Amino acid sequence: MCLAIPSRIVTIDNMTAIVDVCGARREVSLLLLPDEARLEDYVLVHAGFAIQKVDNEAAVETLKLIKEMADAACDLEDEKINL
């Protein structure tokens, strides 16, 4: 099972883009993307390839939920340490 996190396109050069997820950036190929990619679009990435565009509002909401889950997991870990 894979979990794809929406990645925001910050630069495009031909068929290669730099995407950003919470400050982490990586280079991805746009060759498999069925739709034209633009700056600020959100895409799902698998094995270094952008494979699908994601609605911007849905992407932002998904990232917000992922952050909330990560924060909750850290809070639980902190509680274990304090026991």
Protein backbone atom coordinates (compact mmCIF):
# COMPACT_ATOMS: atom_id res chain seq x y z
CA MET A 1 0.00 0.00 0.00
CA CYS A 2 1.25 3.47 -0.89
CA LEU A 3 0.45 6.83 0.59
CA ALA A 4 0.76 9.73 -1.82
CA ILE A 5 1.14 13.16 -0.28
CA PRO A 6 0.15 16.16 -2.43
CA SER A 7 3.28 17.92 -3.67
CA ARG A 8 3.23 21.56 -4.86
CA ILE A 9 5.10 22.36 -8.09
CA VAL A 10 7.55 25.22 -7.49
CA THR A 11 9.56 25.14 -10.73
CA ILE A 12 9.16 23.54 -14.15
CA ASP A 13 11.91 22.98 -16.70
CA ASN A 14 10.73 21.15 -19.79
CA MET A 15 9.32 17.84 -18.45
CA THR A 16 10.95 18.05 -15.03
CA ALA A 17 9.62 19.85 -11.97
CA ILE A 18 10.76 20.63 -8.47
CA VAL A 19 8.00 19.88 -5.97
CA ASP A 20 7.69 20.96 -2.36
CA VAL A 21 6.10 19.13 0.57
CA CYS A 22 6.36 21.06 3.84
CA GLY A 23 9.74 22.49 2.84
CA ALA A 24 11.21 19.24 1.49
CA ARG A 25 11.96 19.58 -2.21
CA ARG A 26 12.70 16.98 -4.83
CA GLU A 27 12.92 16.67 -8.58
CA VAL A 28 10.18 14.73 -10.36
CA SER A 29 9.41 13.84 -13.94
CA LEU A 30 6.24 15.14 -15.57
CA LEU A 31 6.37 12.59 -18.40
CA LEU A 32 3.54 10.40 -17.04
CA LEU A 33 1.23 13.26 -16.06
CA PRO A 34 -1.83 13.14 -18.34
CA ASP A 35 -2.64 16.86 -17.88
CA GLU A 36 -0.41 19.89 -18.41
CA ALA A 37 1.31 20.95 -15.21
CA ARG A 38 1.61 24.56 -14.09
CA LEU A 39 3.40 26.31 -11.26
CA GLU A 40 1.54 26.00 -7.94
CA ASP A 41 -0.37 22.89 -9.11
CA TYR A 42 -0.45 20.00 -6.66
CA VAL A 43 0.44 16.54 -7.94
CA LEU A 44 0.72 13.02 -6.56
CA VAL A 45 4.18 11.49 -7.04
CA HIS A 46 5.10 7.83 -7.33
CA ALA A 47 8.65 6.56 -7.89
CA GLY A 48 9.86 10.00 -9.01
CA PHE A 49 7.02 10.60 -11.47
CA ALA A 50 4.08 12.99 -11.08
CA ILE A 51 1.13 10.73 -11.94
CA GLN A 52 -1.95 12.84 -11.19
CA LYS A 53 -2.93 16.44 -10.56
CA VAL A 54 -4.92 17.15 -7.39
CA ASP A 55 -7.41 19.95 -6.79
CA ASN A 56 -5.58 22.69 -4.86
CA GLU A 57 -8.23 23.00 -2.13
CA ALA A 58 -8.31 19.23 -1.60
CA ALA A 59 -4.49 19.13 -1.51
CA VAL A 60 -4.28 21.86 1.16
CA GLU A 61 -6.95 20.13 3.26
CA THR A 62 -5.14 16.79 2.94
CA LEU A 63 -1.83 18.33 4.03
CA LYS A 64 -3.58 19.95 6.99
CA LEU A 65 -5.02 16.60 8.08
CA ILE A 66 -1.66 14.84 7.70
CA LYS A 67 -0.02 17.51 9.87
CA GLU A 68 -2.72 17.09 12.53
CA MET A 69 -2.14 13.32 12.57
CA ALA A 70 1.63 13.79 12.85
CA ASP A 71 1.20 16.28 15.69
CA ALA A 72 -1.12 13.88 17.53
CA ALA A 73 1.39 11.05 17.11
CA CYS A 74 4.16 13.26 18.55
CA ASP A 75 1.93 14.18 21.49
CA LEU A 76 1.37 10.48 22.22
CA GLU A 77 5.10 9.80 22.04
CA ASP A 78 5.78 12.70 24.41
CA GLU A 79 3.27 11.22 26.89
CA LYS A 80 5.11 7.87 26.79
CA ILE A 81 8.42 9.60 27.53
CA ASN A 82 6.95 11.44 30.54
CA LEU A 83 5.54 8.26 32.13
